[in-house]
C-alpha cells in the first residue's frame, strides 16, 4: 500500500568500441614482448648456437656448477673431464657456458 512499485530504468545505449579502448591492452602486450619474450628468445638462440659449437677441448661450466674440459662429443651428450681419470657424461643442453682457454688452470 505505502510502497511504490520499482520499475527498471532504461539501459544506456551501447556505443561502438574504438581503437582507443584497446590502446592500454596493446601497450601492455608490447611491453610484455619487449621486456620478457624477446630477451628470452634471444638467450635461447645464443645458448643453442653455443651448444652446437661445442668441441673437444673446450672448458665448460655445467648447470650443476661443475667445471671441466670436454673430452668426447656425441650427438646429444658430451663427456666432461672434471679431473684426471674422472669423466662424466652430460646432455649438451646442460652446458651453461664455455669458459676462455686456461680458466681451469687459473682456478686450481
PDB file of N, CA and C in Angstrom:
ATOM      1  N   UNK A   1       0.790  -1.177   0.000  1.00  0.00           N
ATOM      2  CA  UNK A   1       0.000   0.000   0.000  1.00  0.00           C
ATOM      3  C   UNK A   1       0.848   1.263   0.000  1.00  0.00           C
ATOM      4  N   UNK A   2       1.753   1.335   0.962  1.00  0.00           N
ATOM      5  CA  UNK A   2       2.543   2.548   1.056  1.00  0.00           C
ATOM      6  C   UNK A   2       3.822   2.481   0.230  1.00  0.00           C
ATOM      7  N   UNK A   3       4.095   1.305  -0.282  1.00  0.00           N
ATOM      8  CA  UNK A   3       5.336   1.128  -1.039  1.00  0.00           C
ATOM      9  C   UNK A   3       5.009   1.232  -2.524  1.00  0.00           C
ATOM     10  N   UNK A   4       5.774   2.075  -3.196  1.00  0.00           N
ATOM     11  CA  UNK A   4       5.529   2.225  -4.632  1.00  0.00           C
ATOM     12  C   UNK A   4       6.282   1.144  -5.406  1.00  0.00           C
ATOM     13  N   UNK A   5       5.803   0.851  -6.562  1.00  0.00           N
ATOM     14  CA  UNK A   5       6.438  -0.161  -7.401  1.00  0.00           C
ATOM     15  C   UNK A   5       7.758   0.376  -7.968  1.00  0.00           C
ATOM     16  N   UNK A   6       8.753  -0.509  -8.025  1.00  0.00           N
ATOM     17  CA  UNK A   6      10.062  -0.131  -8.576  1.00  0.00           C
ATOM     18  C   UNK A   6      10.156  -0.691  -9.981  1.00  0.00           C
ATOM     19  N   UNK A   7      10.354   0.181 -10.921  1.00  0.00           N
ATOM     20  CA  UNK A   7      10.477  -0.243 -12.308  1.00  0.00           C
ATOM     21  C   UNK A   7      11.922  -0.059 -12.762  1.00  0.00           C
ATOM     22  N   UNK A   8      12.377  -0.950 -13.625  1.00  0.00           N
ATOM     23  CA  UNK A   8      13.751  -0.863 -14.136  1.00  0.00           C
ATOM     24  C   UNK A   8      13.872   0.335 -15.054  1.00  0.00           C
ATOM     25  N   UNK A   9      14.998   1.020 -14.932  1.00  0.00           N
ATOM     26  CA  UNK A   9      15.235   2.166 -15.804  1.00  0.00           C
ATOM     27  C   UNK A   9      15.736   1.665 -17.140  1.00  0.00           C
ATOM     28  N   UNK A  10      15.569   2.463 -18.115  1.00  0.00           N
ATOM     29  CA  UNK A  10      16.032   2.098 -19.460  1.00  0.00           C
ATOM     30  C   UNK A  10      17.559   2.023 -19.465  1.00  0.00           C
ATOM     31  N   UNK A  11      18.083   1.006 -20.137  1.00  0.00           N
ATOM     32  CA  UNK A  11      19.532   0.829 -20.204  1.00  0.00           C
ATOM     33  C   UNK A  11      20.138   1.892 -21.106  1.00  0.00           C
ATOM     34  N   UNK A  12      21.354   2.274 -20.774  1.00  0.00           N
ATOM     35  CA  UNK A  12      22.064   3.262 -21.588  1.00  0.00           C
ATOM     36  C   UNK A  12      22.402   2.633 -22.933  1.00  0.00           C
ATOM     37  N   UNK A  13      22.361   3.374 -23.992  1.00  0.00           N
ATOM     38  CA  UNK A  13      22.679   2.814 -25.311  1.00  0.00           C
ATOM     39  C   UNK A  13      24.145   2.381 -25.374  1.00  0.00           C
ATOM     40  N   UNK A  14      24.397   1.238 -26.006  1.00  0.00           N
ATOM     41  CA  UNK A  14      25.748   0.702 -26.141  1.00  0.00           C
ATOM     42  C   UNK A  14      26.429   1.419 -27.288  1.00  0.00           C
ATOM     43  N   UNK A  15      27.619   1.947 -26.988  1.00  0.00           N
ATOM     44  CA  UNK A  15      28.354   2.657 -28.027  1.00  0.00           C
ATOM     45  C   UNK A  15      29.388   1.728 -28.638  1.00  0.00           C
ATOM     46  N   UNK A  16      29.700   1.944 -29.868  1.00  0.00           N
ATOM     47  CA  UNK A  16      30.698   1.129 -30.557  1.00  0.00           C
ATOM     48  C   UNK A  16      32.077   1.378 -29.975  1.00  0.00           C
ATOM     49  N   UNK A  17      32.912   0.305 -29.847  1.00  0.00           N
ATOM     50  CA  UNK A  17      34.261   0.440 -29.314  1.00  0.00           C
ATOM     51  C   UNK A  17      35.179   1.078 -30.340  1.00  0.00           C
ATOM     52  N   UNK A  18      36.176   1.724 -29.872  1.00  0.00           N
ATOM     53  CA  UNK A  18      37.152   2.323 -30.770  1.00  0.00           C
ATOM     54  C   UNK A  18      38.530   1.772 -30.424  1.00  0.00           C
ATOM     55  N   UNK A  19      39.494   2.085 -31.222  1.00  0.00           N
ATOM     56  CA  UNK A  19      40.860   1.611 -31.004  1.00  0.00           C
ATOM     57  C   UNK A  19      41.438   2.188 -29.716  1.00  0.00           C
ATOM     58  N   UNK A  20      40.928   3.340 -29.292  1.00  0.00           N
ATOM     59  CA  UNK A  20      41.421   3.957 -28.057  1.00  0.00           C
ATOM     60  C   UNK A  20      41.059   3.122 -26.827  1.00  0.00           C
ATOM     61  N   UNK A  21      39.982   2.360 -26.927  1.00  0.00           N
ATOM     62  CA  UNK A  21      39.602   1.495 -25.817  1.00  0.00           C
ATOM     63  C   UNK A  21      40.600   0.358 -25.637  1.00  0.00           C
ATOM     64  N   UNK A  22      41.211  -0.073 -26.728  1.00  0.00           N
ATOM     65  CA  UNK A  22      42.159  -1.189 -26.685  1.00  0.00           C
ATOM     66  C   UNK A  22      43.614  -0.736 -26.557  1.00  0.00           C
ATOM     67  N   UNK A  23      43.864   0.549 -26.579  1.00  0.00           N
ATOM     68  CA  UNK A  23      45.232   1.068 -26.522  1.00  0.00           C
ATOM     69  C   UNK A  23      45.993   0.615 -25.271  1.00  0.00           C
ATOM     70  N   UNK A  24      45.418   0.634 -24.078  1.00  0.00           N
ATOM     71  CA  UNK A  24      46.161   0.143 -22.910  1.00  0.00           C
ATOM     72  C   UNK A  24      46.514  -1.343 -23.014  1.00  0.00           C
ATOM     73  N   UNK A  25      45.613  -2.132 -23.557  1.00  0.00           N
ATOM     74  CA  UNK A  25      45.883  -3.555 -23.734  1.00  0.00           C
ATOM     75  C   UNK A  25      47.009  -3.776 -24.741  1.00  0.00           C
ATOM     76  N   UNK A  26      46.986  -3.030 -25.836  1.00  0.00           N
ATOM     77  CA  UNK A  26      48.040  -3.132 -26.850  1.00  0.00           C
ATOM     78  C   UNK A  26      49.383  -2.707 -26.256  1.00  0.00           C
ATOM     79  N   UNK A  27      49.392  -1.644 -25.469  1.00  0.00           N
ATOM     80  CA  UNK A  27      50.626  -1.186 -24.830  1.00  0.00           C
ATOM     81  C   UNK A  27      51.159  -2.238 -23.854  1.00  0.00           C
ATOM     82  N   UNK A  28      50.281  -2.883 -23.114  1.00  0.00           N
ATOM     83  CA  UNK A  28      50.692  -3.919 -22.173  1.00  0.00           C
ATOM     84  C   UNK A  28      51.319  -5.105 -22.897  1.00  0.00           C
ATOM     85  N   UNK A  29      50.733  -5.517 -24.005  1.00  0.00           N
ATOM     86  CA  UNK A  29      51.288  -6.621 -24.795  1.00  0.00           C
ATOM     87  C   UNK A  29      52.652  -6.243 -25.354  1.00  0.00           C
ATOM     88  N   UNK A  30      52.800  -5.008 -25.829  1.00  0.00           N
ATOM     89  CA  UNK A  30      54.084  -4.558 -26.368  1.00  0.00           C
ATOM     90  C   UNK A  30      55.161  -4.544 -25.295  1.00  0.00           C
ATOM     91  N   UNK A  31      54.843  -4.054 -24.117  1.00  0.00           N
ATOM     92  CA  UNK A  31      55.815  -4.031 -23.018  1.00  0.00           C
ATOM     93  C   UNK A  31      56.198  -5.451 -22.623  1.00  0.00           C
ATOM     94  N   UNK A  32      55.223  -6.334 -22.531  1.00  0.00           N
ATOM     95  CA  UNK A  32      55.494  -7.731 -22.195  1.00  0.00           C
ATOM     96  C   UNK A  32      56.413  -8.365 -23.231  1.00  0.00           C
ATOM     97  N   UNK A  33      56.174  -8.085 -24.511  1.00  0.00           N
ATOM     98  CA  UNK A  33      57.010  -8.649 -25.579  1.00  0.00           C
ATOM     99  C   UNK A  33      58.451  -8.161 -25.458  1.00  0.00           C
ATOM    100  N   UNK A  34      58.655  -6.859 -25.306  1.00  0.00           N
ATOM    101  CA  UNK A  34      59.999  -6.318 -25.289  1.00  0.00           C
ATOM    102  C   UNK A  34      60.752  -6.586 -23.994  1.00  0.00           C
ATOM    103  N   UNK A  35      60.060  -6.752 -22.880  1.00  0.00           N
ATOM    104  CA  UNK A  35      60.739  -6.986 -21.608  1.00  0.00           C
ATOM    105  C   UNK A  35      60.897  -8.463 -21.255  1.00  0.00           C
ATOM    106  N   UNK A  36      60.044  -9.346 -21.805  1.00  0.00           N
ATOM    107  CA  UNK A  36      60.083 -10.750 -21.412  1.00  0.00           C
ATOM    108  C   UNK A  36      60.367 -11.677 -22.589  1.00  0.00           C
ATOM    109  N   UNK A  37      59.506 -11.662 -23.566  1.00  0.00           N
ATOM    110  CA  UNK A  37      59.592 -12.662 -24.641  1.00  0.00           C
ATOM    111  C   UNK A  37      60.819 -12.488 -25.535  1.00  0.00           C
ATOM    112  N   UNK A  38      61.096 -11.289 -25.965  1.00  0.00           N
ATOM    113  CA  UNK A  38      62.218 -11.060 -26.872  1.00  0.00           C
ATOM    114  C   UNK A  38      63.563 -11.401 -26.237  1.00  0.00           C
ATOM    115  N   UNK A  39      63.877 -10.915 -25.028  1.00  0.00           N
ATOM    116  CA  UNK A  39      65.166 -11.287 -24.425  1.00  0.00           C
ATOM    117  C   UNK A  39      65.284 -12.790 -24.164  1.00  0.00           C
ATOM    118  N   UNK A  40      64.178 -13.429 -23.778  1.00  0.00           N
ATOM    119  CA  UNK A  40      64.215 -14.861 -23.506  1.00  0.00           C
ATOM    120  C   UNK A  40      64.498 -15.645 -24.783  1.00  0.00           C
ATOM    121  N   UNK A  41      63.870 -15.285 -25.878  1.00  0.00           N
ATOM    122  CA  UNK A  41      64.136 -15.997 -27.130  1.00  0.00           C
ATOM    123  C   UNK A  41      65.540 -15.713 -27.641  1.00  0.00           C
ATOM    124  N   UNK A  42      66.056 -14.524 -27.391  1.00  0.00           N
ATOM    125  CA  UNK A  42      67.429 -14.194 -27.787  1.00  0.00           C
ATOM    126  C   UNK A  42      68.431 -15.043 -27.004  1.00  0.00           C
ATOM    127  N   UNK A  43      68.216 -15.193 -25.687  1.00  0.00           N
ATOM    128  CA  UNK A  43      69.100 -16.032 -24.874  1.00  0.00           C
ATOM    129  C   UNK A  43      69.022 -17.489 -25.315  1.00  0.00           C
ATOM    130  N   UNK A  44      67.826 -17.966 -25.630  1.00  0.00           N
ATOM    131  CA  UNK A  44      67.665 -19.351 -26.076  1.00  0.00           C
ATOM    132  C   UNK A  44      68.399 -19.590 -27.388  1.00  0.00           C
ATOM    133  N   UNK A  45      68.350 -18.643 -28.288  1.00  0.00           N
ATOM    134  CA  UNK A  45      69.050 -18.766 -29.565  1.00  0.00           C
ATOM    135  C   UNK A  45      70.562 -18.776 -29.358  1.00  0.00           C
ATOM    136  N   UNK A  46      71.066 -17.896 -28.494  1.00  0.00           N
ATOM    137  CA  UNK A  46      72.505 -17.867 -28.196  1.00  0.00           C
ATOM    138  C   UNK A  46      72.957 -19.180 -27.567  1.00  0.00           C
ATOM    139  N   UNK A  47      72.158 -19.736 -26.645  1.00  0.00           N
ATOM    140  CA  UNK A  47      72.521 -20.985 -25.988  1.00  0.00           C
ATOM    141  C   UNK A  47      72.529 -22.133 -27.002  1.00  0.00           C
ATOM    142  N   UNK A  48      71.564 -22.145 -27.908  1.00  0.00           N
ATOM    143  CA  UNK A  48      71.509 -23.185 -28.931  1.00  0.00           C
ATOM    144  C   UNK A  48      72.740 -23.123 -29.826  1.00  0.00           C
ATOM    145  N   UNK A  49      73.138 -21.927 -30.235  1.00  0.00           N
ATOM    146  CA  UNK A  49      74.339 -21.779 -31.052  1.00  0.00           C
ATOM    147  C   UNK A  49      75.587 -22.218 -30.298  1.00  0.00           C
ATOM    148  N   UNK A  50      75.668 -21.894 -29.006  1.00  0.00           N
ATOM    149  CA  UNK A  50      76.809 -22.295 -28.190  1.00  0.00           C
ATOM    150  C   UNK A  50      76.880 -23.817 -28.063  1.00  0.00           C
ATOM    151  N   UNK A  51      75.727 -24.458 -27.855  1.00  0.00           N
ATOM    152  CA  UNK A  51      75.683 -25.913 -27.709  1.00  0.00           C
ATOM    153  C   UNK A  51      76.097 -26.599 -29.005  1.00  0.00           C
ATOM    154  N   UNK A  52      75.651 -26.062 -30.129  1.00  0.00           N
ATOM    155  CA  UNK A  52      76.011 -26.652 -31.420  1.00  0.00           C
ATOM    156  C   UNK A  52      77.498 -26.501 -31.728  1.00  0.00           C
ATOM    157  N   UNK A  53      78.144 -25.484 -31.171  1.00  0.00           N
ATOM    158  CA  UNK A  53      79.552 -25.231 -31.459  1.00  0.00           C
ATOM    159  C   UNK A  53      80.502 -25.921 -30.482  1.00  0.00           C
ATOM    160  N   UNK A  54      79.995 -26.716 -29.543  1.00  0.00           N
ATOM    161  CA  UNK A  54      80.865 -27.387 -28.583  1.00  0.00           C
ATOM    162  C   UNK A  54      81.805 -28.350 -29.301  1.00  0.00           C
ATOM    163  N   UNK A  55      83.053 -28.350 -28.848  1.00  0.00           N
ATOM    164  CA  UNK A  55      84.030 -29.263 -29.438  1.00  0.00           C
ATOM    165  C   UNK A  55      84.994 -29.752 -28.365  1.00  0.00           C
ATOM    166  N   UNK A  56      85.737 -30.772 -28.712  1.00  0.00           N
ATOM    167  CA  UNK A  56      86.681 -31.388 -27.785  1.00  0.00           C
ATOM    168  C   UNK A  56      87.721 -30.350 -27.369  1.00  0.00           C
ATOM    169  N   UNK A  57      87.992 -30.282 -26.065  1.00  0.00           N
ATOM    170  CA  UNK A  57      88.985 -29.354 -25.535  1.00  0.00           C
ATOM    171  C   UNK A  57      88.402 -28.079 -24.956  1.00  0.00           C
ATOM    172  N   UNK A  58      87.140 -27.805 -25.204  1.00  0.00           N
ATOM    173  CA  UNK A  58      86.507 -26.611 -24.640  1.00  0.00           C
ATOM    174  C   UNK A  58      86.374 -26.761 -23.129  1.00  0.00           C
ATOM    175  N   UNK A  59      86.618 -25.682 -22.414  1.00  0.00           N
ATOM    176  CA  UNK A  59      86.423 -25.659 -20.967  1.00  0.00           C
ATOM    177  C   UNK A  59      85.031 -25.098 -20.708  1.00  0.00           C
ATOM    178  N   UNK A  60      84.244 -25.842 -19.927  1.00  0.00           N
ATOM    179  CA  UNK A  60      82.830 -25.504 -19.768  1.00  0.00           C
ATOM    180  C   UNK A  60      82.411 -25.526 -18.304  1.00  0.00           C
ATOM    181  N   UNK A  61      81.262 -24.907 -18.048  1.00  0.00           N
ATOM    182  CA  UNK A  61      80.579 -24.969 -16.759  1.00  0.00           C
ATOM    183  C   UNK A  61      79.215 -25.576 -17.028  1.00  0.00           C
ATOM    184  N   UNK A  62      78.854 -26.603 -16.241  1.00  0.00           N
ATOM    185  CA  UNK A  62      77.535 -27.214 -16.395  1.00  0.00           C
ATOM    186  C   UNK A  62      76.517 -26.459 -15.549  1.00  0.00           C
ATOM    187  N   UNK A  63      75.248 -26.759 -15.745  1.00  0.00           N
ATOM    188  CA  UNK A  63      74.204 -26.103 -14.949  1.00  0.00           C
ATOM    189  C   UNK A  63      74.296 -26.496 -13.481  1.00  0.00           C
ATOM    190  N   UNK A  64      74.936 -27.617 -13.193  1.00  0.00           N
ATOM    191  CA  UNK A  64      75.135 -28.033 -11.809  1.00  0.00           C
ATOM    192  C   UNK A  64      76.327 -27.356 -11.150  1.00  0.00           C
ATOM    193  N   UNK A  65      77.122 -26.598 -11.923  1.00  0.00           N
ATOM    194  CA  UNK A  65      78.251 -25.861 -11.376  1.00  0.00           C
ATOM    195  C   UNK A  65      79.587 -26.552 -11.540  1.00  0.00           C
ATOM    196  N   UNK A  66      79.616 -27.736 -12.161  1.00  0.00           N
ATOM    197  CA  UNK A  66      80.890 -28.426 -12.349  1.00  0.00           C
ATOM    198  C   UNK A  66      81.677 -27.755 -13.469  1.00  0.00           C
ATOM    199  N   UNK A  67      82.986 -27.616 -13.248  1.00  0.00           N
ATOM    200  CA  UNK A  67      83.875 -27.036 -14.242  1.00  0.00           C
ATOM    201  C   UNK A  67      84.746 -28.150 -14.782  1.00  0.00           C
ATOM    202  N   UNK A  68      84.831 -28.243 -16.104  1.00  0.00           N
ATOM    203  CA  UNK A  68      85.640 -29.300 -16.688  1.00  0.00           C
ATOM    204  C   UNK A  68      85.948 -29.030 -18.151  1.00  0.00           C
ATOM    205  N   UNK A  69      86.651 -29.987 -18.735  1.00  0.00           N
ATOM    206  CA  UNK A  69      87.058 -29.896 -20.139  1.00  0.00           C
ATOM    207  C   UNK A  69      86.341 -30.979 -20.920  1.00  0.00           C
ATOM    208  N   UNK A  70      85.823 -30.648 -22.082  1.00  0.00           N
ATOM    209  CA  UNK A  70      85.119 -31.623 -22.906  1.00  0.00           C
ATOM    210  C   UNK A  70      86.137 -32.583 -23.506  1.00  0.00           C
ATOM    211  N   UNK A  71      85.903 -33.891 -23.287  1.00  0.00           N
ATOM    212  CA  UNK A  71      86.806 -34.904 -23.815  1.00  0.00           C
ATOM    213  C   UNK A  71      86.193 -35.688 -24.965  1.00  0.00           C
ATOM    214  N   UNK A  72      84.874 -35.786 -24.978  1.00  0.00           N
ATOM    215  CA  UNK A  72      84.183 -36.509 -26.048  1.00  0.00           C
ATOM    216  C   UNK A  72      82.908 -35.751 -26.402  1.00  0.00           C
ATOM    217  N   UNK A  73      82.573 -35.754 -27.683  1.00  0.00           N
ATOM    218  CA  UNK A  73      81.346 -35.100 -28.143  1.00  0.00           C
ATOM    219  C   UNK A  73      80.509 -36.135 -28.885  1.00  0.00           C
ATOM    220  N   UNK A  74      79.287 -36.324 -28.405  1.00  0.00           N
ATOM    221  CA  UNK A  74      78.336 -37.208 -29.059  1.00  0.00           C
ATOM    222  C   UNK A  74      77.228 -36.350 -29.661  1.00  0.00           C
ATOM    223  N   UNK A  75      76.209 -37.001 -30.199  1.00  0.00           N
ATOM    224  CA  UNK A  75      75.126 -36.253 -30.839  1.00  0.00           C
ATOM    225  C   UNK A  75      74.340 -35.423 -29.819  1.00  0.00           C
ATOM    226  N   UNK A  76      73.921 -36.028 -28.714  1.00  0.00           N
ATOM    227  CA  UNK A  76      73.126 -35.338 -27.703  1.00  0.00           C
ATOM    228  C   UNK A  76      73.872 -35.128 -26.382  1.00  0.00           C
ATOM    229  N   UNK A  77      75.044 -35.760 -26.237  1.00  0.00           N
ATOM    230  CA  UNK A  77      75.774 -35.738 -24.968  1.00  0.00           C
ATOM    231  C   UNK A  77      77.219 -35.322 -25.198  1.00  0.00           C
ATOM    232  N   UNK A  78      77.870 -34.920 -24.115  1.00  0.00           N
ATOM    233  CA  UNK A  78      79.308 -34.658 -24.136  1.00  0.00           C
ATOM    234  C   UNK A  78      79.927 -35.319 -22.915  1.00  0.00           C
ATOM    235  N   UNK A  79      81.166 -35.759 -23.077  1.00  0.00           N
ATOM    236  CA  UNK A  79      81.919 -36.267 -21.945  1.00  0.00           C
ATOM    237  C   UNK A  79      82.748 -35.133 -21.372  1.00  0.00           C
ATOM    238  N   UNK A  80      82.558 -34.831 -20.101  1.00  0.00           N
ATOM    239  CA  UNK A  80      83.268 -33.726 -19.457  1.00  0.00           C
ATOM    240  C   UNK A  80      84.244 -34.312 -18.447  1.00  0.00           C
ATOM    241  N   UNK A  81      85.515 -34.001 -18.623  1.00  0.00           N
ATOM    242  CA  UNK A  81      86.550 -34.464 -17.697  1.00  0.00           C
ATOM    243  C   UNK A  81      86.673 -33.435 -16.582  1.00  0.00           C
ATOM    244  N   UNK A  82      86.275 -33.854 -15.384  1.00  0.00           N
ATOM    245  CA  UNK A  82      86.302 -32.958 -14.236  1.00  0.00           C
ATOM    246  C   UNK A  82      87.683 -32.910 -13.591  1.00  0.00           C
ATOM    247  N   UNK A  83      88.368 -34.030 -13.587  1.00  0.00           N
ATOM    248  CA  UNK A  83      89.731 -34.146 -13.077  1.00  0.00           C
ATOM    249  C   UNK A  83      90.362 -35.316 -13.817  1.00  0.00           C
ATOM    250  N   UNK A  84      91.623 -35.581 -13.539  1.00  0.00           N
ATOM    251  CA  UNK A  84      92.269 -36.705 -14.209  1.00  0.00           C
ATOM    252  C   UNK A  84      91.522 -37.992 -13.881  1.00  0.00           C
ATOM    253  N   UNK A  85      91.207 -38.763 -14.907  1.00  0.00           N
ATOM    254  CA  UNK A  85      90.517 -40.051 -14.797  1.00  0.00           C
ATOM    255  C   UNK A  85      89.107 -39.946 -14.208  1.00  0.00           C
ATOM    256  N   UNK A  86      88.542 -38.763 -14.156  1.00  0.00           N
ATOM    257  CA  UNK A  86      87.164 -38.593 -13.704  1.00  0.00           C
ATOM    258  C   UNK A  86      86.391 -37.897 -14.822  1.00  0.00           C
ATOM    259  N   UNK A  87      85.524 -38.676 -15.454  1.00  0.00           N
ATOM    260  CA  UNK A  87      84.758 -38.143 -16.572  1.00  0.00           C
ATOM    261  C   UNK A  87      83.277 -38.432 -16.355  1.00  0.00           C
ATOM    262  N   UNK A  88      82.460 -37.438 -16.630  1.00  0.00           N
ATOM    263  CA  UNK A  88      81.015 -37.607 -16.548  1.00  0.00           C
ATOM    264  C   UNK A  88      80.415 -37.311 -17.919  1.00  0.00           C
ATOM    265  N   UNK A  89      79.292 -37.942 -18.192  1.00  0.00           N
ATOM    266  CA  UNK A  89      78.589 -37.695 -19.435  1.00  0.00           C
ATOM    267  C   UNK A  89      77.341 -36.878 -19.112  1.00  0.00           C
ATOM    268  N   UNK A  90      77.206 -35.738 -19.762  1.00  0.00           N
ATOM    269  CA  UNK A  90      76.058 -34.859 -19.527  1.00  0.00           C
ATOM    270  C   UNK A  90      75.415 -34.518 -20.861  1.00  0.00           C
ATOM    271  N   UNK A  91      74.170 -34.115 -20.803  1.00  0.00           N
ATOM    272  CA  UNK A  91      73.494 -33.656 -22.006  1.00  0.00           C
ATOM    273  C   UNK A  91      74.109 -32.334 -22.453  1.00  0.00           C
ATOM    274  N   UNK A  92      74.126 -32.128 -23.759  1.00  0.00           N
ATOM    275  CA  UNK A  92      74.686 -30.883 -24.274  1.00  0.00           C
ATOM    276  C   UNK A  92      73.941 -29.666 -23.733  1.00  0.00           C
ATOM    277  N   UNK A  93      72.631 -29.801 -23.553  1.00  0.00           N
ATOM    278  CA  UNK A  93      71.860 -28.663 -23.062  1.00  0.00           C
ATOM    279  C   UNK A  93      72.169 -28.316 -21.609  1.00  0.00           C
ATOM    280  N   UNK A  94      72.861 -29.227 -20.893  1.00  0.00           N
ATOM    281  CA  UNK A  94      73.234 -28.965 -19.503  1.00  0.00           C
ATOM    282  C   UNK A  94      74.504 -28.132 -19.399  1.00  0.00           C
ATOM    283  N   UNK A  95      75.111 -27.798 -20.530  1.00  0.00           N
ATOM    284  CA  UNK A  95      76.282 -26.932 -20.513  1.00  0.00           C
ATOM    285  C   UNK A  95      75.789 -25.499 -20.419  1.00  0.00           C
ATOM    286  N   UNK A  96      76.198 -24.817 -19.351  1.00  0.00           N
ATOM    287  CA  UNK A  96      75.719 -23.461 -19.119  1.00  0.00           C
ATOM    288  C   UNK A  96      76.525 -22.446 -19.914  1.00  0.00           C
ATOM    289  N   UNK A  97      77.856 -22.585 -19.902  1.00  0.00           N
ATOM    290  CA  UNK A  97      78.680 -21.624 -20.626  1.00  0.00           C
ATOM    291  C   UNK A  97      80.028 -22.241 -20.967  1.00  0.00           C
ATOM    292  N   UNK A  98      80.665 -21.649 -21.957  1.00  0.00           N
ATOM    293  CA  UNK A  98      82.009 -22.049 -22.363  1.00  0.00           C
ATOM    294  C   UNK A  98      82.968 -21.018 -21.796  1.00  0.00           C
ATOM    295  N   UNK A  99      83.992 -21.495 -21.114  1.00  0.00           N
ATOM    296  CA  UNK A  99      84.973 -20.614 -20.494  1.00  0.00           C
ATOM    297  C   UNK A  99      86.130 -20.339 -21.448  1.00  0.00           C
ATOM    298  N   UNK A 100      86.848 -19.233 -21.244  1.00  0.00           N
ATOM    299  CA  UNK A 100      88.046 -18.988 -22.046  1.00  0.00           C
ATOM    300  C   UNK A 100      89.114 -20.048 -21.753  1.00  0.00           C
ATOM    301  N   UNK A 101      89.947 -20.332 -22.737  1.00  0.00           N
ATOM    302  CA  UNK A 101      91.007 -21.334 -22.556  1.00  0.00           C
ATOM    303  C   UNK A 101      91.919 -20.925 -21.410  1.00  0.00           C
ATOM    304  N   UNK A 102      92.315 -21.898 -20.590  1.00  0.00           N
ATOM    305  CA  UNK A 102      93.211 -21.654 -19.463  1.00  0.00           C
ATOM    306  C   UNK A 102      92.522 -21.290 -18.178  1.00  0.00           C
ATOM    307  N   UNK A 103      91.222 -21.224 -18.163  1.00  0.00           N
ATOM    308  CA  UNK A 103      90.490 -20.853 -16.952  1.00  0.00           C
ATOM    309  C   UNK A 103      90.648 -21.903 -15.864  1.00  0.00           C
ATOM    310  N   UNK A 104      90.620 -23.179 -16.243  1.00  0.00           N
ATOM    311  CA  UNK A 104      90.728 -24.253 -15.250  1.00  0.00           C
ATOM    312  C   UNK A 104      92.085 -24.200 -14.544  1.00  0.00           C
ATOM    313  N   UNK A 105      93.137 -23.928 -15.271  1.00  0.00           N
ATOM    314  CA  UNK A 105      94.457 -23.831 -14.644  1.00  0.00           C
ATOM    315  C   UNK A 105      94.527 -22.664 -13.683  1.00  0.00           C
ATOM    316  N   UNK A 106      93.883 -21.562 -14.003  1.00  0.00           N
ATOM    317  CA  UNK A 106      93.929 -20.400 -13.113  1.00  0.00           C
ATOM    318  C   UNK A 106      93.097 -20.615 -11.854  1.00  0.00           C
ATOM    319  N   UNK A 107      92.098 -21.510 -11.914  1.00  0.00           N
ATOM    320  CA  UNK A 107      91.260 -21.799 -10.735  1.00  0.00           C
ATOM    321  C   UNK A 107      92.005 -22.655  -9.742  1.00  0.00           C
ATOM    322  N   UNK A 108      92.760 -23.641 -10.253  1.00  0.00           N
ATOM    323  CA  UNK A 108      93.428 -24.602  -9.371  1.00  0.00           C
ATOM    324  C   UNK A 108      94.593 -24.030  -8.691  1.00  0.00           C
TER     325      UNK A 108
END
